[in-house]
Amino acid sequence: MRTTTIIPLVLALTGCSQSLQLTGGVPTMETQRCAASGGMLDQRGRRGNLMCVHRFVDAGKACASDKDCQGRCLADKPDGSLPQPGEAVPGRCEPDDKTFGCYAEVEGGKAKRSICVD
């Protein structure tokens, strides 16, 4: 008798969560959709959950607001610290649609509030 291992995959989609499953050795419809949409499976977050991640073509580009990026414009302080809200800071377009860690969004060249995502 053969057992199949199922690994839960959590996707954060604009505030919603969707459960995705991988079945040992066999691509599921969800993993096929991820690949078809240009995504790749990657472990993210503190728990190392597998997620479908889509890279942005403008990743790392200098920005002053989200309008300059495919994703969000995130503060890019040279010392790596988080800026204070309203502080003028340079920004960089986020690398993909599954950003984890601590960061602050930039709007109009100024930092908005900081947030940490596990």
N, C-alpha and C. Protein backbone atom coordinates (compact mmCIF):
# COMPACT_ATOMS: atom_id res chain seq x y z
N MET A 1 0.84 -1.18 0.00
CA MET A 1 0.00 0.00 0.00
C MET A 1 0.89 1.25 0.00
N ARG A 2 0.63 2.16 -0.92
CA ARG A 2 1.43 3.37 -1.07
C ARG A 2 0.74 4.54 -0.40
N THR A 3 1.51 5.33 0.36
CA THR A 3 0.92 6.52 0.98
C THR A 3 1.40 7.74 0.22
N THR A 4 0.53 8.70 0.13
CA THR A 4 0.85 9.96 -0.54
C THR A 4 0.96 11.04 0.52
N THR A 5 2.03 11.82 0.42
CA THR A 5 2.24 12.92 1.36
C THR A 5 1.65 14.18 0.79
N ILE A 6 0.88 14.87 1.59
CA ILE A 6 0.28 16.13 1.17
C ILE A 6 0.86 17.24 2.04
N ILE A 7 1.42 18.25 1.39
CA ILE A 7 2.01 19.39 2.08
C ILE A 7 1.11 20.59 1.85
N PRO A 8 0.55 21.18 2.92
CA PRO A 8 -0.31 22.35 2.72
C PRO A 8 0.50 23.56 2.25
N LEU A 9 -0.07 24.32 1.38
CA LEU A 9 0.56 25.52 0.85
C LEU A 9 -0.40 26.67 1.02
N VAL A 10 0.05 27.70 1.70
CA VAL A 10 -0.82 28.84 1.96
C VAL A 10 -0.41 29.98 1.05
N LEU A 11 -1.38 30.54 0.36
CA LEU A 11 -1.14 31.68 -0.53
C LEU A 11 -1.88 32.88 0.02
N ALA A 12 -1.18 33.98 0.15
CA ALA A 12 -1.84 35.21 0.55
C ALA A 12 -2.18 35.97 -0.72
N LEU A 13 -3.45 36.12 -1.00
CA LEU A 13 -3.90 36.79 -2.21
C LEU A 13 -4.77 37.98 -1.83
N THR A 14 -4.18 39.15 -1.84
CA THR A 14 -4.87 40.39 -1.50
C THR A 14 -5.80 40.23 -0.30
N GLY A 15 -5.24 39.77 0.79
CA GLY A 15 -6.00 39.66 2.02
C GLY A 15 -6.75 38.36 2.19
N CYS A 16 -6.78 37.53 1.17
CA CYS A 16 -7.47 36.25 1.27
C CYS A 16 -6.44 35.14 1.36
N SER A 17 -6.82 34.03 1.93
CA SER A 17 -5.94 32.88 1.97
C SER A 17 -6.56 31.77 1.17
N GLN A 18 -5.72 31.07 0.44
CA GLN A 18 -6.19 29.94 -0.34
C GLN A 18 -5.28 28.77 -0.02
N SER A 19 -5.84 27.62 0.26
CA SER A 19 -5.06 26.44 0.58
C SER A 19 -4.70 25.72 -0.71
N LEU A 20 -3.44 25.42 -0.89
CA LEU A 20 -2.95 24.72 -2.07
C LEU A 20 -2.26 23.47 -1.58
N GLN A 21 -2.34 22.40 -2.32
CA GLN A 21 -1.71 21.16 -1.88
C GLN A 21 -0.78 20.63 -2.95
N LEU A 22 0.29 20.01 -2.49
CA LEU A 22 1.21 19.30 -3.37
C LEU A 22 1.07 17.83 -3.01
N THR A 23 0.92 17.00 -4.00
CA THR A 23 0.83 15.57 -3.75
C THR A 23 2.14 14.96 -4.20
N GLY A 24 2.80 14.24 -3.30
CA GLY A 24 4.12 13.66 -3.55
C GLY A 24 4.35 13.17 -4.96
N GLY A 25 5.24 13.83 -5.70
CA GLY A 25 5.66 13.38 -7.02
C GLY A 25 4.73 13.70 -8.17
N VAL A 26 3.51 14.13 -7.91
CA VAL A 26 2.56 14.38 -8.98
C VAL A 26 2.14 15.85 -8.96
N PRO A 27 2.38 16.58 -10.07
CA PRO A 27 1.93 17.98 -10.08
C PRO A 27 0.41 18.06 -9.97
N THR A 28 -0.07 18.90 -9.08
CA THR A 28 -1.51 19.10 -8.93
C THR A 28 -1.95 20.22 -9.87
N MET A 29 -3.24 20.40 -9.98
CA MET A 29 -3.77 21.49 -10.82
C MET A 29 -3.25 22.84 -10.32
N GLU A 30 -3.18 22.99 -8.99
CA GLU A 30 -2.71 24.27 -8.42
C GLU A 30 -1.25 24.53 -8.79
N THR A 31 -0.39 23.51 -8.70
CA THR A 31 1.02 23.72 -9.05
C THR A 31 1.16 23.96 -10.54
N GLN A 32 0.35 23.32 -11.34
CA GLN A 32 0.38 23.56 -12.78
C GLN A 32 -0.08 24.99 -13.10
N ARG A 33 -1.12 25.47 -12.38
CA ARG A 33 -1.57 26.86 -12.57
C ARG A 33 -0.49 27.85 -12.17
N CYS A 34 0.23 27.53 -11.09
CA CYS A 34 1.32 28.40 -10.63
C CYS A 34 2.36 28.53 -11.75
N ALA A 35 2.79 27.40 -12.28
CA ALA A 35 3.79 27.41 -13.35
C ALA A 35 3.25 28.12 -14.60
N ALA A 36 2.00 27.86 -14.95
CA ALA A 36 1.39 28.47 -16.14
C ALA A 36 1.28 29.98 -16.01
N SER A 37 1.15 30.47 -14.77
CA SER A 37 1.03 31.92 -14.56
C SER A 37 2.40 32.58 -14.41
N GLY A 38 3.47 31.81 -14.62
CA GLY A 38 4.82 32.38 -14.53
C GLY A 38 5.39 32.33 -13.13
N GLY A 39 4.73 31.64 -12.22
CA GLY A 39 5.20 31.56 -10.84
C GLY A 39 6.16 30.43 -10.61
N MET A 40 6.75 30.43 -9.44
CA MET A 40 7.64 29.36 -9.02
C MET A 40 7.34 29.04 -7.56
N LEU A 41 7.50 27.80 -7.17
CA LEU A 41 7.29 27.43 -5.78
C LEU A 41 8.54 27.77 -4.99
N ASP A 42 8.34 28.42 -3.85
CA ASP A 42 9.46 28.81 -3.00
C ASP A 42 8.99 28.77 -1.55
N GLN A 43 9.91 28.45 -0.65
CA GLN A 43 9.59 28.47 0.78
C GLN A 43 9.74 29.90 1.28
N ARG A 44 8.72 30.38 1.97
CA ARG A 44 8.70 31.75 2.46
C ARG A 44 8.20 31.82 3.88
N GLY A 45 8.51 32.93 4.53
CA GLY A 45 8.03 33.19 5.88
C GLY A 45 8.79 32.41 6.92
N ARG A 46 8.49 32.73 8.15
CA ARG A 46 9.14 32.09 9.28
C ARG A 46 8.92 30.58 9.33
N ARG A 47 7.75 30.16 8.88
CA ARG A 47 7.42 28.74 8.90
C ARG A 47 7.93 28.00 7.67
N GLY A 48 8.44 28.73 6.69
CA GLY A 48 8.97 28.09 5.50
C GLY A 48 7.90 27.44 4.64
N ASN A 49 6.71 28.04 4.59
CA ASN A 49 5.62 27.49 3.77
C ASN A 49 5.94 27.62 2.29
N LEU A 50 5.58 26.60 1.53
CA LEU A 50 5.71 26.68 0.08
C LEU A 50 4.64 27.61 -0.46
N MET A 51 5.04 28.49 -1.38
CA MET A 51 4.11 29.45 -1.95
C MET A 51 4.40 29.61 -3.43
N CYS A 52 3.38 29.99 -4.17
CA CYS A 52 3.55 30.32 -5.57
C CYS A 52 3.98 31.78 -5.62
N VAL A 53 5.19 32.03 -6.09
CA VAL A 53 5.79 33.36 -6.09
C VAL A 53 5.97 33.85 -7.52
N HIS A 54 5.58 35.09 -7.77
CA HIS A 54 5.74 35.71 -9.09
C HIS A 54 6.74 36.87 -8.97
N ARG A 55 7.84 36.79 -9.69
CA ARG A 55 8.84 37.86 -9.70
C ARG A 55 8.31 39.03 -10.52
N PHE A 56 8.71 40.23 -10.12
CA PHE A 56 8.34 41.43 -10.86
C PHE A 56 9.49 41.81 -11.79
N VAL A 57 9.16 42.24 -13.00
CA VAL A 57 10.18 42.57 -13.98
C VAL A 57 10.99 43.81 -13.59
N ASP A 58 10.41 44.68 -12.77
CA ASP A 58 11.11 45.90 -12.37
C ASP A 58 11.75 45.79 -10.98
N ALA A 59 11.95 44.58 -10.50
CA ALA A 59 12.53 44.35 -9.17
C ALA A 59 13.83 45.13 -9.00
N GLY A 60 13.93 45.88 -7.89
CA GLY A 60 15.15 46.62 -7.58
C GLY A 60 15.26 47.98 -8.23
N LYS A 61 14.33 48.34 -9.10
CA LYS A 61 14.36 49.65 -9.77
C LYS A 61 14.07 50.74 -8.74
N ALA A 62 14.74 51.88 -8.88
CA ALA A 62 14.48 53.02 -8.00
C ALA A 62 13.05 53.51 -8.20
N CYS A 63 12.40 53.91 -7.10
CA CYS A 63 11.01 54.36 -7.18
C CYS A 63 10.72 55.41 -6.11
N ALA A 64 9.63 56.14 -6.30
CA ALA A 64 9.18 57.12 -5.32
C ALA A 64 7.78 56.79 -4.81
N SER A 65 7.08 55.88 -5.52
CA SER A 65 5.74 55.44 -5.09
C SER A 65 5.37 54.16 -5.83
N ASP A 66 4.26 53.55 -5.42
CA ASP A 66 3.79 52.31 -6.05
C ASP A 66 3.51 52.48 -7.54
N LYS A 67 3.21 53.70 -7.96
CA LYS A 67 2.91 53.96 -9.37
C LYS A 67 4.12 53.67 -10.25
N ASP A 68 5.32 53.68 -9.65
CA ASP A 68 6.56 53.44 -10.39
C ASP A 68 6.89 51.96 -10.50
N CYS A 69 6.11 51.09 -9.86
CA CYS A 69 6.45 49.67 -9.76
C CYS A 69 5.30 48.77 -10.18
N GLN A 70 5.66 47.57 -10.59
CA GLN A 70 4.65 46.54 -10.85
C GLN A 70 4.03 46.11 -9.52
N GLY A 71 4.84 46.03 -8.47
CA GLY A 71 4.37 45.71 -7.12
C GLY A 71 4.36 46.97 -6.27
N ARG A 72 5.00 46.89 -5.11
CA ARG A 72 5.06 48.06 -4.21
C ARG A 72 6.45 48.67 -4.22
N CYS A 73 6.50 49.95 -3.86
CA CYS A 73 7.76 50.68 -3.69
C CYS A 73 8.11 50.60 -2.21
N LEU A 74 9.25 49.97 -1.89
CA LEU A 74 9.66 49.78 -0.50
C LEU A 74 10.87 50.63 -0.16
N ALA A 75 10.90 51.13 1.08
CA ALA A 75 12.02 51.97 1.54
C ALA A 75 13.33 51.21 1.40
N ASP A 76 14.36 51.93 0.98
CA ASP A 76 15.67 51.35 0.76
C ASP A 76 16.73 52.20 1.45
N LYS A 77 16.76 52.14 2.79
CA LYS A 77 17.76 52.91 3.53
C LYS A 77 19.10 52.18 3.47
N PRO A 78 20.18 52.92 3.21
CA PRO A 78 21.50 52.30 3.09
C PRO A 78 21.92 51.48 4.31
N ASP A 79 21.50 51.89 5.51
CA ASP A 79 21.91 51.16 6.72
C ASP A 79 20.95 50.01 7.06
N GLY A 80 19.89 49.82 6.24
CA GLY A 80 18.96 48.72 6.45
C GLY A 80 17.92 48.95 7.53
N SER A 81 17.95 50.11 8.19
CA SER A 81 16.97 50.39 9.24
C SER A 81 15.62 50.77 8.64
N LEU A 82 14.60 50.73 9.48
CA LEU A 82 13.27 51.14 9.04
C LEU A 82 13.10 52.64 9.25
N PRO A 83 12.58 53.34 8.27
CA PRO A 83 12.40 54.79 8.39
C PRO A 83 11.18 55.13 9.25
N GLN A 84 11.17 56.34 9.74
CA GLN A 84 10.02 56.87 10.47
C GLN A 84 8.96 57.30 9.46
N PRO A 85 7.68 57.17 9.80
CA PRO A 85 6.63 57.64 8.89
C PRO A 85 6.84 59.10 8.52
N GLY A 86 6.73 59.42 7.25
CA GLY A 86 6.92 60.79 6.77
C GLY A 86 8.36 61.13 6.43
N GLU A 87 9.29 60.26 6.79
CA GLU A 87 10.71 60.50 6.50
C GLU A 87 10.96 60.34 5.00
N ALA A 88 11.70 61.29 4.41
CA ALA A 88 12.07 61.19 2.99
C ALA A 88 13.09 60.07 2.83
N VAL A 89 12.77 59.10 1.98
CA VAL A 89 13.65 57.95 1.77
C VAL A 89 13.64 57.53 0.30
N PRO A 90 14.76 56.97 -0.16
CA PRO A 90 14.74 56.39 -1.50
C PRO A 90 13.95 55.08 -1.45
N GLY A 91 13.41 54.68 -2.58
CA GLY A 91 12.67 53.43 -2.64
C GLY A 91 13.19 52.53 -3.72
N ARG A 92 12.87 51.24 -3.59
CA ARG A 92 13.19 50.22 -4.59
C ARG A 92 11.94 49.37 -4.80
N CYS A 93 11.67 49.00 -6.05
CA CYS A 93 10.53 48.14 -6.34
C CYS A 93 10.77 46.76 -5.73
N GLU A 94 9.74 46.23 -5.07
CA GLU A 94 9.89 44.92 -4.42
C GLU A 94 10.15 43.84 -5.47
N PRO A 95 10.87 42.79 -5.06
CA PRO A 95 11.28 41.77 -6.02
C PRO A 95 10.17 40.83 -6.50
N ASP A 96 9.17 40.57 -5.65
CA ASP A 96 8.12 39.62 -6.03
C ASP A 96 6.86 39.87 -5.21
N ASP A 97 5.85 39.07 -5.43
CA ASP A 97 4.54 39.27 -4.79
C ASP A 97 4.40 38.59 -3.44
N LYS A 98 5.47 38.09 -2.86
CA LYS A 98 5.41 37.46 -1.54
C LYS A 98 6.53 38.02 -0.66
N THR A 99 6.42 39.28 -0.29
CA THR A 99 7.43 39.94 0.53
C THR A 99 7.21 39.63 2.00
N PHE A 100 8.24 39.11 2.64
CA PHE A 100 8.21 38.83 4.08
C PHE A 100 9.31 39.64 4.75
N GLY A 101 9.24 39.77 6.06
CA GLY A 101 10.21 40.54 6.82
C GLY A 101 9.64 41.89 7.19
N CYS A 102 10.51 42.81 7.59
CA CYS A 102 10.09 44.15 7.99
C CYS A 102 10.40 45.14 6.87
N TYR A 103 9.44 45.99 6.57
CA TYR A 103 9.62 46.96 5.50
C TYR A 103 8.63 48.12 5.67
N ALA A 104 8.90 49.19 4.93
CA ALA A 104 8.00 50.34 4.89
C ALA A 104 7.75 50.67 3.43
N GLU A 105 6.50 50.92 3.09
CA GLU A 105 6.18 51.35 1.74
C GLU A 105 6.52 52.83 1.58
N VAL A 106 6.80 53.22 0.35
CA VAL A 106 7.14 54.61 0.05
C VAL A 106 6.05 55.20 -0.84
N GLU A 107 5.60 56.37 -0.49
CA GLU A 107 4.60 57.10 -1.28
C GLU A 107 5.04 58.54 -1.38
N GLY A 108 5.19 59.03 -2.60
CA GLY A 108 5.63 60.41 -2.80
C GLY A 108 7.01 60.67 -2.24
N GLY A 109 7.87 59.65 -2.26
CA GLY A 109 9.24 59.80 -1.77
C GLY A 109 9.37 59.76 -0.25
N LYS A 110 8.25 59.50 0.45
CA LYS A 110 8.27 59.47 1.92
C LYS A 110 7.75 58.13 2.42
N ALA A 111 8.31 57.71 3.55
CA ALA A 111 7.91 56.43 4.14
C ALA A 111 6.52 56.50 4.73
N LYS A 112 5.76 55.42 4.47
CA LYS A 112 4.49 55.23 5.17
C LYS A 112 4.84 54.39 6.41
N ARG A 113 3.88 53.92 7.14
CA ARG A 113 4.19 53.14 8.34
C ARG A 113 4.95 51.87 7.97
N SER A 114 5.73 51.35 8.93
CA SER A 114 6.48 50.11 8.74
C SER A 114 5.62 48.94 9.18
N ILE A 115 5.92 47.78 8.62
CA ILE A 115 5.19 46.56 8.95
C ILE A 115 6.16 45.38 8.91
N CYS A 116 5.91 44.38 9.75
CA CYS A 116 6.70 43.15 9.73
C CYS A 116 5.75 42.01 9.44
N VAL A 117 6.09 41.19 8.45
CA VAL A 117 5.27 40.06 8.02
C VAL A 117 6.08 38.79 8.21
N ASP A 118 5.52 37.86 9.01
CA ASP A 118 6.20 36.58 9.24
C ASP A 118 5.79 35.60 8.20
